N, C-alpha and C. Protein backbone atom coordinates (compact mmCIF):
# COMPACT_ATOMS: atom_id res chain seq x y z
N MET A 1 62.75 33.16 71.45
CA MET A 1 62.30 32.11 72.02
C MET A 1 61.05 31.55 71.57
N ARG A 2 60.13 32.29 71.80
CA ARG A 2 58.56 31.47 71.55
C ARG A 2 58.86 31.64 69.88
N LEU A 3 59.02 32.21 69.14
CA LEU A 3 58.68 31.77 67.70
C LEU A 3 59.24 30.30 67.50
N ILE A 4 60.92 30.16 68.07
CA ILE A 4 61.18 29.14 67.82
C ILE A 4 60.55 27.97 68.08
N GLN A 5 59.73 28.21 69.41
CA GLN A 5 58.92 27.01 69.97
C GLN A 5 57.43 26.52 69.10
N GLY A 6 56.99 27.90 69.02
CA GLY A 6 55.94 27.98 67.79
C GLY A 6 56.14 27.26 66.32
N GLU A 7 57.18 27.51 66.02
CA GLU A 7 58.08 26.38 64.92
C GLU A 7 58.20 25.03 65.22
N LEU A 8 58.57 25.10 66.34
CA LEU A 8 58.74 23.22 66.96
C LEU A 8 57.22 22.83 67.27
N GLN A 9 56.48 23.29 67.87
CA GLN A 9 55.19 22.84 67.88
C GLN A 9 54.70 22.87 66.14
N GLU A 10 54.95 23.85 65.42
CA GLU A 10 53.69 23.27 64.30
C GLU A 10 54.18 22.09 63.16
N MET A 11 55.73 21.92 63.82
CA MET A 11 56.57 21.04 62.52
C MET A 11 55.86 19.62 63.52
N VAL A 12 55.61 19.71 64.71
CA VAL A 12 55.13 18.09 65.77
C VAL A 12 54.20 18.16 64.92
N TYR A 13 53.58 19.44 65.00
CA TYR A 13 51.33 19.05 64.34
C TYR A 13 51.56 18.37 63.30
N GLU A 14 52.09 18.98 62.30
CA GLU A 14 52.73 18.54 61.07
C GLU A 14 53.18 17.33 60.76
N ARG A 15 53.71 16.38 61.83
CA ARG A 15 54.34 15.19 61.73
C ARG A 15 53.39 14.43 61.95
N LYS A 16 52.55 15.00 63.16
CA LYS A 16 51.49 14.05 63.85
C LYS A 16 50.33 13.50 62.66
N LYS A 17 50.12 15.37 62.22
CA LYS A 17 48.51 14.69 60.91
C LYS A 17 49.34 14.11 59.93
N GLN A 18 50.69 14.16 59.39
CA GLN A 18 51.08 13.09 58.53
C GLN A 18 50.97 11.39 59.04
N SER A 19 51.62 11.13 60.34
CA SER A 19 51.57 9.82 60.81
C SER A 19 50.58 9.42 61.07
N MET A 20 49.55 10.26 61.29
CA MET A 20 47.47 9.70 61.05
C MET A 20 47.55 9.61 59.63
N ALA A 21 47.47 10.17 58.50
CA ALA A 21 47.11 9.97 57.03
C ALA A 21 47.75 8.56 57.08
N TYR A 22 49.03 8.64 57.35
CA TYR A 22 49.52 7.63 56.96
C TYR A 22 49.26 6.10 57.76
N GLU A 23 48.59 6.36 58.71
CA GLU A 23 48.05 5.17 59.57
C GLU A 23 46.49 4.76 58.55
N ARG A 24 46.11 5.83 58.48
CA ARG A 24 44.73 5.67 58.10
C ARG A 24 45.06 5.32 56.51
N GLU A 25 45.63 5.74 55.46
CA GLU A 25 46.18 5.05 54.50
C GLU A 25 46.44 3.51 54.42
N THR A 26 47.30 3.02 55.42
CA THR A 26 47.44 1.60 56.15
C THR A 26 46.90 0.74 56.72
N MET A 27 45.49 1.51 56.88
CA MET A 27 44.20 0.74 57.58
C MET A 27 43.65 0.65 56.67
N VAL A 28 43.14 1.53 55.33
CA VAL A 28 42.39 1.56 53.91
C VAL A 28 42.99 0.28 53.16
N PHE A 29 44.30 0.08 53.62
CA PHE A 29 44.51 -0.88 51.98
C PHE A 29 44.72 -2.64 53.28
N ALA A 30 44.58 -2.67 54.26
CA ALA A 30 44.91 -3.87 55.30
C ALA A 30 43.10 -4.22 54.74
N LEU A 31 42.33 -3.24 54.90
CA LEU A 31 40.41 -3.27 54.90
C LEU A 31 40.69 -3.83 52.95
N LYS A 32 41.22 -3.19 52.24
CA LYS A 32 41.22 -3.67 50.76
C LYS A 32 41.78 -5.26 50.51
N GLU A 33 42.88 -5.31 51.67
CA GLU A 33 43.66 -6.86 51.37
C GLU A 33 42.43 -7.68 51.81
N ALA A 34 41.53 -7.34 52.88
CA ALA A 34 40.84 -8.39 53.15
C ALA A 34 39.94 -8.99 52.36
N GLN A 35 39.32 -7.54 51.79
CA GLN A 35 38.58 -7.61 50.77
C GLN A 35 38.67 -8.28 49.39
N TRP A 36 39.73 -8.62 48.76
CA TRP A 36 40.54 -9.17 48.25
C TRP A 36 40.74 -10.49 48.39
N LYS A 37 40.98 -10.70 49.60
CA LYS A 37 41.26 -12.03 50.51
C LYS A 37 39.57 -12.91 49.86
N ARG A 38 38.51 -12.13 50.03
CA ARG A 38 37.24 -12.89 50.45
C ARG A 38 37.10 -12.81 48.46
N GLU A 39 37.07 -11.84 48.12
CA GLU A 39 37.19 -11.97 46.64
C GLU A 39 37.49 -13.17 45.77
N ARG A 40 38.85 -13.69 46.43
CA ARG A 40 39.53 -14.38 45.90
C ARG A 40 38.78 -15.94 46.04
N ARG A 41 38.81 -15.95 47.57
CA ARG A 41 37.93 -16.98 47.46
C ARG A 41 36.54 -17.10 46.80
N ARG A 42 36.06 -16.18 46.42
CA ARG A 42 34.58 -16.54 45.38
C ARG A 42 34.99 -16.61 44.45
N LEU A 43 36.05 -16.45 44.20
CA LEU A 43 36.35 -16.68 42.81
C LEU A 43 36.83 -17.95 42.53
N ARG A 44 37.46 -18.02 43.60
CA ARG A 44 38.22 -19.72 43.88
C ARG A 44 36.78 -20.76 43.71
N GLU A 45 36.21 -20.60 44.30
CA GLU A 45 35.01 -21.47 44.72
C GLU A 45 34.40 -21.33 43.28
N GLU A 46 34.01 -20.46 42.50
CA GLU A 46 33.20 -20.16 41.20
C GLU A 46 34.07 -20.98 40.58
N VAL A 47 34.98 -20.58 40.31
CA VAL A 47 36.11 -22.11 39.18
C VAL A 47 35.79 -23.28 39.31
N LYS A 48 35.69 -23.08 40.72
CA LYS A 48 35.95 -24.97 41.39
C LYS A 48 34.39 -25.39 40.64
N ARG A 49 33.44 -24.42 40.91
CA ARG A 49 31.92 -24.98 40.43
C ARG A 49 31.68 -25.37 39.00
N LEU A 50 32.42 -23.79 38.56
CA LEU A 50 32.30 -24.29 36.71
C LEU A 50 33.63 -25.39 36.09
N LYS A 51 34.86 -25.92 37.24
CA LYS A 51 35.14 -26.73 36.53
C LYS A 51 34.60 -28.30 36.52
N LYS A 52 34.22 -28.48 37.78
CA LYS A 52 33.35 -29.86 38.03
C LYS A 52 32.24 -29.55 37.27
N ARG A 53 31.46 -28.63 36.29
CA ARG A 53 30.75 -28.84 35.70
C ARG A 53 30.78 -29.13 34.38
N LEU A 54 32.06 -28.29 33.85
CA LEU A 54 32.64 -28.53 32.62
C LEU A 54 33.02 -30.19 32.63
N GLU A 55 33.40 -30.26 33.71
CA GLU A 55 34.34 -32.21 33.98
C GLU A 55 33.14 -32.62 33.70
N GLU A 56 31.78 -32.65 33.98
CA GLU A 56 30.80 -33.35 34.33
C GLU A 56 30.35 -33.80 32.59
N LYS A 57 30.25 -32.53 31.91
CA LYS A 57 29.78 -32.65 30.87
C LYS A 57 30.62 -32.63 29.68
N GLU A 58 32.29 -32.98 29.99
CA GLU A 58 33.30 -33.70 29.21
C GLU A 58 32.85 -35.11 29.28
N GLU A 59 32.65 -35.39 30.62
CA GLU A 59 32.25 -37.00 30.75
C GLU A 59 31.11 -37.64 29.86
N ARG A 60 30.22 -36.83 29.78
CA ARG A 60 29.12 -37.19 29.17
C ARG A 60 29.12 -37.07 27.60
N ILE A 61 29.84 -35.78 27.47
CA ILE A 61 30.41 -36.05 25.42
C ILE A 61 30.95 -36.67 25.36
N ARG A 62 32.29 -37.42 26.11
CA ARG A 62 32.91 -38.84 25.99
C ARG A 62 31.66 -39.44 25.66
N GLY A 63 31.33 -40.17 26.93
CA GLY A 63 30.11 -41.43 26.38
C GLY A 63 29.44 -40.71 24.99
N MET A 64 28.91 -39.89 24.64
CA MET A 64 28.40 -40.25 23.53
C MET A 64 29.01 -40.25 22.32
N GLU A 65 30.16 -39.96 22.79
CA GLU A 65 31.23 -39.78 21.53
C GLU A 65 31.63 -41.40 21.65
N ASP A 66 31.80 -42.26 22.31
CA ASP A 66 32.20 -43.12 22.25
C ASP A 66 31.27 -44.73 21.71
N GLY A 67 29.87 -43.92 21.95
CA GLY A 67 28.54 -43.99 20.96
C GLY A 67 28.56 -44.44 19.75
N LEU A 68 28.86 -42.88 19.67
CA LEU A 68 29.16 -42.63 17.72
C LEU A 68 29.98 -43.44 17.35
N VAL A 69 31.62 -44.34 18.07
CA VAL A 69 32.35 -44.27 16.99
C VAL A 69 32.38 -45.62 16.09
N GLY A 70 31.33 -46.22 16.24
CA GLY A 70 30.91 -47.68 15.30
C GLY A 70 30.00 -47.14 14.39
N GLU A 71 29.55 -46.02 14.34
CA GLU A 71 28.14 -44.98 13.44
C GLU A 71 28.99 -45.13 12.32
N LYS A 72 28.30 -44.84 11.25
CA LYS A 72 29.01 -44.37 10.11
C LYS A 72 27.29 -43.60 9.21
N GLY A 73 27.75 -43.00 7.84
CA GLY A 73 26.59 -42.37 7.14
C GLY A 73 26.37 -41.38 7.56
N GLU A 74 24.99 -41.60 8.19
CA GLU A 74 23.81 -40.13 8.63
C GLU A 74 24.53 -40.17 10.01
N ASN A 75 25.37 -40.68 10.82
CA ASN A 75 25.89 -40.28 12.21
C ASN A 75 26.97 -39.39 12.17
N GLY A 76 27.83 -39.45 10.67
CA GLY A 76 28.66 -38.87 10.76
C GLY A 76 28.88 -37.06 11.22
N PHE A 77 27.68 -36.53 10.88
CA PHE A 77 27.14 -35.39 11.10
C PHE A 77 27.36 -35.04 12.85
N GLN A 78 26.52 -35.79 13.15
CA GLN A 78 26.81 -35.64 14.59
C GLN A 78 28.22 -35.86 15.52
N LEU A 79 28.93 -36.92 14.45
CA LEU A 79 29.96 -37.49 15.14
C LEU A 79 31.03 -35.91 15.29
N LEU A 80 30.75 -35.24 14.20
CA LEU A 80 31.68 -34.09 14.34
C LEU A 80 31.23 -33.12 15.08
N GLY A 81 30.07 -32.65 14.99
CA GLY A 81 29.51 -31.81 15.73
C GLY A 81 30.06 -31.90 17.47
N THR A 82 30.17 -33.47 17.80
CA THR A 82 30.47 -33.34 19.30
C THR A 82 31.85 -33.42 19.29
N ARG A 83 32.66 -33.67 18.14
CA ARG A 83 34.18 -33.61 18.10
C ARG A 83 33.66 -31.92 18.22
N LEU A 84 33.87 -30.80 17.76
CA LEU A 84 34.17 -29.87 17.83
C LEU A 84 33.40 -28.96 18.90
N LEU A 85 32.58 -29.95 19.76
CA LEU A 85 31.92 -29.08 20.60
C LEU A 85 33.08 -29.49 21.89
N VAL A 86 33.86 -30.87 21.71
CA VAL A 86 34.87 -30.99 23.01
C VAL A 86 36.12 -30.02 22.70
N GLU A 87 36.42 -29.57 21.52
CA GLU A 87 37.19 -29.12 21.44
C GLU A 87 36.89 -27.54 22.02
N HIS A 88 35.70 -27.16 21.56
CA HIS A 88 35.56 -26.16 22.10
C HIS A 88 35.56 -25.58 23.74
N ILE A 89 35.75 -26.85 24.46
CA ILE A 89 35.11 -26.62 25.88
C ILE A 89 36.37 -26.81 26.14
N TRP A 90 37.59 -27.47 25.78
CA TRP A 90 38.83 -27.50 25.91
C TRP A 90 39.40 -26.51 25.76
N GLU A 91 39.21 -25.41 24.39
CA GLU A 91 39.28 -23.83 24.67
C GLU A 91 39.02 -23.30 25.71
N GLU A 92 37.81 -23.16 26.31
CA GLU A 92 37.78 -22.90 26.87
C GLU A 92 37.81 -22.90 28.45
N ARG A 93 38.37 -24.37 28.61
CA ARG A 93 38.94 -24.50 30.26
C ARG A 93 40.13 -24.08 30.05
N ALA A 94 40.83 -24.04 28.52
CA ALA A 94 42.37 -23.13 28.68
C ALA A 94 42.33 -21.50 29.12
N ARG A 95 41.27 -21.16 28.65
CA ARG A 95 40.82 -19.41 28.93
C ARG A 95 40.78 -19.46 30.17
N ARG A 96 40.08 -20.06 30.52
CA ARG A 96 39.36 -20.25 32.28
C ARG A 96 40.83 -20.34 33.19
N ASP A 97 41.29 -21.45 32.87
CA ASP A 97 42.99 -21.12 33.65
C ASP A 97 43.73 -19.94 33.55
N GLU A 98 43.44 -19.29 32.26
CA GLU A 98 44.72 -17.85 32.07
C GLU A 98 44.46 -16.98 33.05
N ALA A 99 42.70 -17.27 33.15
CA ALA A 99 42.25 -15.66 33.75
C ALA A 99 42.70 -15.90 35.47
N VAL A 100 42.76 -17.82 35.59
CA VAL A 100 42.49 -17.54 37.11
C VAL A 100 44.12 -17.37 37.65
N GLU A 101 45.34 -17.60 36.33
CA GLU A 101 46.11 -17.44 36.71
C GLU A 101 47.35 -15.99 36.93
N LYS A 102 45.97 -15.30 35.79
CA LYS A 102 46.65 -13.72 36.13
C LYS A 102 45.70 -13.34 37.46
N TRP A 103 44.81 -13.97 37.95
CA TRP A 103 44.08 -13.44 38.98
C TRP A 103 45.16 -14.11 40.06
N LYS A 104 45.66 -14.80 40.63
CA LYS A 104 46.81 -15.34 41.14
C LYS A 104 48.38 -14.14 41.36
N ARG A 105 48.61 -13.97 39.97
CA ARG A 105 49.37 -12.98 39.94
C ARG A 105 49.24 -12.07 40.36
N LEU A 106 47.89 -11.27 40.32
CA LEU A 106 47.12 -10.13 40.47
C LEU A 106 47.20 -9.53 42.40
N TYR A 107 46.81 -10.89 43.12
CA TYR A 107 46.84 -10.86 44.68
C TYR A 107 48.45 -11.07 45.19
N LEU A 108 49.39 -11.58 44.68
CA LEU A 108 50.46 -11.94 44.86
C LEU A 108 50.97 -10.84 44.93
N ALA A 109 51.06 -9.60 43.45
CA ALA A 109 51.55 -8.34 43.40
C ALA A 109 51.00 -7.55 44.91
N ILE A 110 49.73 -7.40 45.04
CA ILE A 110 49.23 -6.11 46.42
C ILE A 110 49.99 -6.92 47.45
N LYS A 111 49.38 -8.28 47.52
CA LYS A 111 50.31 -8.51 48.92
C LYS A 111 51.54 -8.10 49.02
N ALA A 112 52.71 -7.94 48.41
CA ALA A 112 53.74 -7.50 48.24
C ALA A 112 53.84 -6.09 48.74
N GLU A 113 53.20 -5.24 48.02
CA GLU A 113 53.18 -4.19 48.02
C GLU A 113 52.63 -3.59 49.71
N LEU A 114 51.50 -4.47 49.93
CA LEU A 114 51.05 -4.17 51.15
C LEU A 114 52.02 -4.93 52.38
N ASP A 115 52.55 -5.49 52.07
CA ASP A 115 53.72 -6.10 53.22
C ASP A 115 54.88 -5.08 53.43
N ASP A 116 55.23 -4.47 51.62
CA ASP A 116 56.12 -3.25 51.99
C ASP A 116 55.92 -2.54 52.81
N LEU A 117 54.37 -1.75 52.80
CA LEU A 117 53.93 -0.63 53.10
C LEU A 117 53.92 -0.99 54.89
N ILE A 118 53.37 -1.76 55.28
CA ILE A 118 53.41 -1.95 56.28
C ILE A 118 55.08 -2.26 57.50
N GLN A 119 56.06 -2.95 56.61
CA GLN A 119 57.58 -3.27 56.74
C GLN A 119 57.90 -1.88 56.90
N ARG A 120 57.85 -0.77 55.80
CA ARG A 120 57.89 0.73 56.16
C ARG A 120 57.81 1.47 57.26
N THR A 121 56.62 1.25 57.93
CA THR A 121 56.33 1.64 58.89
C THR A 121 56.43 1.16 60.41
N ASP A 122 56.32 0.00 60.19
CA ASP A 122 57.29 -0.83 61.44
C ASP A 122 58.35 0.07 61.43
N GLN A 123 59.56 0.14 60.34
CA GLN A 123 60.28 0.99 60.72
C GLN A 123 60.98 1.90 61.20
N GLY A 124 59.75 2.70 61.21
CA GLY A 124 59.63 3.67 61.66
C GLY A 124 59.72 5.12 60.48
N GLU A 125 59.43 4.78 59.70
CA GLU A 125 59.66 5.66 58.38
C GLU A 125 58.34 6.89 59.02
N ARG A 126 56.94 6.49 59.01
CA ARG A 126 56.07 7.31 59.54
C ARG A 126 56.27 8.72 60.16
N LEU A 127 57.74 8.64 60.75
CA LEU A 127 58.10 9.78 61.85
C LEU A 127 59.34 10.78 60.51
N ASN A 128 59.31 9.96 59.54
CA ASN A 128 60.43 10.79 58.22
C ASN A 128 59.45 11.38 57.12
N TRP A 129 58.17 11.71 57.19
CA TRP A 129 57.30 11.68 55.95
C TRP A 129 57.46 12.54 55.22
N LYS A 130 57.71 12.43 53.64
CA LYS A 130 58.72 13.31 52.98
C LYS A 130 57.42 13.59 51.66
N ALA A 131 57.53 14.35 51.12
CA ALA A 131 56.50 14.71 49.58
C ALA A 131 56.96 12.99 49.02
N GLU A 132 57.97 12.66 48.93
CA GLU A 132 58.14 11.54 47.60
C GLU A 132 57.27 10.20 48.02
N GLU A 133 56.68 10.53 49.73
CA GLU A 133 56.01 9.34 50.06
C GLU A 133 54.48 9.77 49.75
N GLU A 134 54.39 10.35 50.12
CA GLU A 134 52.51 11.29 49.31
C GLU A 134 52.77 10.83 47.99
N ASP A 135 53.57 11.05 47.12
CA ASP A 135 53.62 10.63 46.01
C ASP A 135 53.65 9.42 45.86
N SER A 136 53.89 7.80 46.52
CA SER A 136 54.09 6.63 46.89
C SER A 136 52.66 6.37 47.20
N ILE A 137 52.11 7.43 47.96
CA ILE A 137 50.29 6.86 47.94
C ILE A 137 49.70 7.19 46.82
N GLU A 138 50.21 8.33 46.41
CA GLU A 138 49.38 8.44 45.30
C GLU A 138 49.11 7.12 44.09
N ASP A 139 50.14 6.82 44.14
CA ASP A 139 50.79 5.95 42.96
C ASP A 139 50.07 4.09 43.52
N LEU A 140 50.19 4.51 44.74
CA LEU A 140 49.48 2.82 45.53
C LEU A 140 47.87 3.16 45.17
N HIS A 141 46.95 4.56 45.19
CA HIS A 141 45.97 4.57 45.03
C HIS A 141 45.66 4.76 43.47
N ARG A 142 46.41 4.74 42.78
CA ARG A 142 46.31 4.85 41.01
C ARG A 142 45.91 2.80 40.92
N GLU A 143 47.28 2.66 41.21
CA GLU A 143 47.86 1.04 41.48
C GLU A 143 46.27 0.09 41.88
N LEU A 144 45.43 0.69 42.85
CA LEU A 144 44.48 0.55 43.70
C LEU A 144 43.27 0.68 42.45
N LYS A 145 42.96 1.08 42.06
CA LYS A 145 42.13 1.32 40.97
C LYS A 145 42.08 0.62 39.54
N ALA A 146 43.45 0.68 39.35
CA ALA A 146 43.56 -0.53 38.11
C ALA A 146 43.67 -1.54 38.54
N LYS A 147 43.47 -2.47 39.52
CA LYS A 147 43.34 -3.70 40.31
C LYS A 147 41.91 -4.09 40.25
N GLU A 148 41.38 -2.76 40.85
CA GLU A 148 39.41 -3.40 40.83
C GLU A 148 39.02 -3.31 39.91
N GLU A 149 39.62 -2.52 38.52
CA GLU A 149 39.24 -3.03 37.41
C GLU A 149 39.61 -4.49 36.59
N THR A 150 40.75 -4.12 37.04
CA THR A 150 40.90 -5.97 36.73
C THR A 150 40.12 -7.23 37.15
N ILE A 151 39.98 -6.78 38.89
CA ILE A 151 38.71 -7.73 39.56
C ILE A 151 37.57 -7.22 38.46
N GLU A 152 37.15 -6.34 38.62
CA GLU A 152 35.72 -6.87 37.02
C GLU A 152 35.65 -6.84 35.91
N VAL A 153 36.77 -6.98 35.58
CA VAL A 153 37.10 -7.55 34.45
C VAL A 153 36.71 -8.77 34.43
N LEU A 154 37.66 -9.81 35.78
CA LEU A 154 37.44 -11.11 36.40
C LEU A 154 35.97 -11.73 36.26
N LYS A 155 35.04 -10.96 36.78
CA LYS A 155 34.17 -10.81 37.08
C LYS A 155 33.03 -11.15 36.06
N ALA A 156 33.16 -10.36 35.04
CA ALA A 156 32.42 -10.36 33.95
C ALA A 156 32.89 -11.20 32.97
N ARG A 157 34.22 -11.75 33.28
CA ARG A 157 34.55 -13.55 32.79
C ARG A 157 34.16 -14.00 32.91
N LEU A 158 34.19 -14.47 34.27
CA LEU A 158 33.34 -15.31 34.96
C LEU A 158 31.74 -15.94 34.41
N ALA A 159 30.99 -14.56 34.15
CA ALA A 159 29.75 -14.51 34.31
C ALA A 159 29.55 -14.91 32.54
N SER A 160 30.48 -14.09 31.82
CA SER A 160 30.82 -14.82 30.51
C SER A 160 31.00 -16.44 29.94
N MET A 161 32.00 -17.14 31.31
CA MET A 161 31.85 -18.34 30.98
C MET A 161 30.44 -19.45 31.46
N GLU A 162 29.77 -18.58 32.54
CA GLU A 162 28.67 -18.91 33.02
C GLU A 162 27.56 -19.02 31.88
N LYS A 163 27.79 -17.68 30.96
CA LYS A 163 26.65 -17.87 29.83
C LYS A 163 26.74 -18.78 28.44
N GLU A 164 28.28 -19.17 28.27
CA GLU A 164 28.58 -19.79 27.55
C GLU A 164 28.26 -21.72 27.63
N GLU A 165 28.17 -21.63 29.38
CA GLU A 165 28.07 -22.75 29.57
C GLU A 165 26.85 -23.06 29.43
N VAL A 166 25.69 -22.31 30.20
CA VAL A 166 24.25 -22.88 29.41
C VAL A 166 24.16 -22.84 27.71
N GLN A 167 24.52 -22.14 27.32
CA GLN A 167 24.84 -22.30 25.59
C GLN A 167 25.48 -23.61 25.00
N ARG A 168 26.30 -24.16 25.81
CA ARG A 168 26.94 -25.90 25.89
C ARG A 168 26.12 -26.51 25.80
N GLU A 169 25.46 -26.44 27.54
CA GLU A 169 24.43 -27.24 27.33
C GLU A 169 23.21 -27.35 26.72
N ARG A 170 22.24 -26.19 26.09
CA ARG A 170 21.71 -26.74 25.10
C ARG A 170 22.04 -27.19 24.17
N GLU A 171 23.24 -26.76 23.73
CA GLU A 171 24.11 -28.02 22.29
C GLU A 171 23.92 -29.02 22.71
N VAL A 172 23.99 -29.55 23.72
CA VAL A 172 24.19 -31.07 24.31
C VAL A 172 23.34 -31.70 24.21
N ASP A 173 21.84 -31.00 24.84
CA ASP A 173 21.00 -31.41 24.57
C ASP A 173 20.19 -31.88 23.24
N ILE A 174 19.97 -30.88 22.63
CA ILE A 174 20.19 -30.60 21.15
C ILE A 174 20.53 -32.27 20.51
N LEU A 175 22.14 -32.10 20.67
CA LEU A 175 22.77 -33.65 20.32
C LEU A 175 22.36 -34.49 20.84
N ARG A 176 21.85 -34.51 21.99
CA ARG A 176 21.42 -36.09 22.90
C ARG A 176 20.07 -36.55 21.93
N GLN A 177 19.10 -35.11 21.75
CA GLN A 177 17.74 -35.43 20.83
C GLN A 177 18.00 -35.92 19.82
N SER A 178 18.67 -35.57 18.85
CA SER A 178 18.91 -35.80 17.80
C SER A 178 20.01 -37.17 17.91
N LEU A 179 20.42 -37.38 18.63
CA LEU A 179 20.66 -39.09 18.85
C LEU A 179 19.66 -39.83 19.14
N ARG A 180 18.76 -39.70 20.11
CA ARG A 180 17.73 -40.48 20.22
C ARG A 180 16.78 -40.57 18.82
N ILE A 181 16.80 -39.43 18.47
CA ILE A 181 16.16 -38.96 17.15
C ILE A 181 15.90 -40.83 16.20
N ILE A 182 17.30 -40.51 15.65
CA ILE A 182 18.34 -41.53 15.19
C ILE A 182 18.50 -42.86 15.58
N SER A 183 18.51 -43.28 16.93
CA SER A 183 18.87 -44.29 17.65
C SER A 183 17.03 -45.15 17.31
N ASN A 184 15.87 -44.39 17.83
CA ASN A 184 14.60 -44.57 17.86
C ASN A 184 14.24 -44.90 16.33
N LYS A 185 15.08 -44.08 14.91
CA LYS A 185 14.16 -44.45 13.87
C LYS A 185 15.05 -46.10 13.26
N LYS A 186 16.51 -46.64 13.81
CA LYS A 186 16.82 -47.29 13.45
C LYS A 186 16.00 -48.59 14.58
N GLU A 187 15.83 -48.28 15.49
CA GLU A 187 15.09 -49.64 16.10
C GLU A 187 13.52 -49.64 15.36
N THR A 188 12.92 -48.97 15.25
CA THR A 188 11.53 -49.01 14.51
C THR A 188 11.59 -49.46 13.01
N LYS A 189 13.00 -49.44 12.34
CA LYS A 189 13.53 -49.83 11.41
C LYS A 189 13.37 -50.88 10.81
N HIS A 190 14.95 -51.70 12.49
CA HIS A 190 15.13 -52.64 12.56
C HIS A 190 13.71 -53.62 12.51
N SER A 191 12.93 -53.29 13.50
CA SER A 191 11.53 -53.48 13.52
C SER A 191 10.48 -54.18 13.02
N THR A 192 10.68 -53.05 11.84
CA THR A 192 9.82 -53.65 10.57
C THR A 192 9.97 -54.74 9.81
N LYS A 193 11.55 -54.72 9.76
CA LYS A 193 12.18 -55.81 9.16
C LYS A 193 12.03 -56.92 9.55
N HIS A 194 12.08 -56.86 10.77
CA HIS A 194 11.90 -57.69 11.42
C HIS A 194 10.30 -58.89 11.15
N PHE A 195 9.62 -58.20 11.08
CA PHE A 195 7.87 -57.87 11.07
C PHE A 195 7.66 -58.45 9.71
N SER A 196 7.80 -57.78 8.93
CA SER A 196 8.36 -58.16 7.67
C SER A 196 8.79 -59.62 7.48
N ARG A 197 9.63 -59.77 7.83
CA ARG A 197 10.23 -61.79 7.62
C ARG A 197 9.75 -62.49 7.98
N SER A 198 8.83 -62.34 9.22
CA SER A 198 7.94 -62.91 9.81
C SER A 198 6.46 -63.49 8.81
N LEU A 199 6.10 -62.43 8.71
CA LEU A 199 5.03 -62.86 7.79
C LEU A 199 5.47 -63.64 6.34
N HIS A 200 6.53 -63.37 5.70
CA HIS A 200 6.59 -63.66 5.01
C HIS A 200 7.53 -65.91 5.08
N LEU A 201 7.39 -65.59 6.25
CA LEU A 201 7.82 -66.82 6.34
C LEU A 201 6.28 -68.04 6.95
């Protein structure tokens, strides 16, 4: 009888220990979910900021492009450069939108896994802890690591976008300066011709 009681106590102890471990895992995932939400908000704000800067830059470039429509000859190169720059910005915008869409899918997948984990806990499966659930926790750990790596990749992508944005700003500044120089040369040439005509009169 004592042997049976001892075995029962040992089984109860093991189940309590497994239940506590399961609850700890649930808490860890809940904390991770909160962390992912914060990171998602931060990335969303970062994407909005980059989008706004790109839109402002595109507006300025459209203005410069409109100013170049009537120009010929010596301004052809600047017009081509502007168009190429605009195309590059639109391509970068498409890549950025794709990265954001991947992040959304990642977040939804994580949320679905956590919801399923919490639902199984509420249904009392923690009292029927089995080896396959331990394997499931290991799988979740591996998926968690993979998703954290994906988040790091997204962070690196945003950093790269910021770097490219700075480079584009420099290119636009150079283009603007070139246009200003050409405009000044034309004004100087026009003033010289007008002055020469006045002298002949």
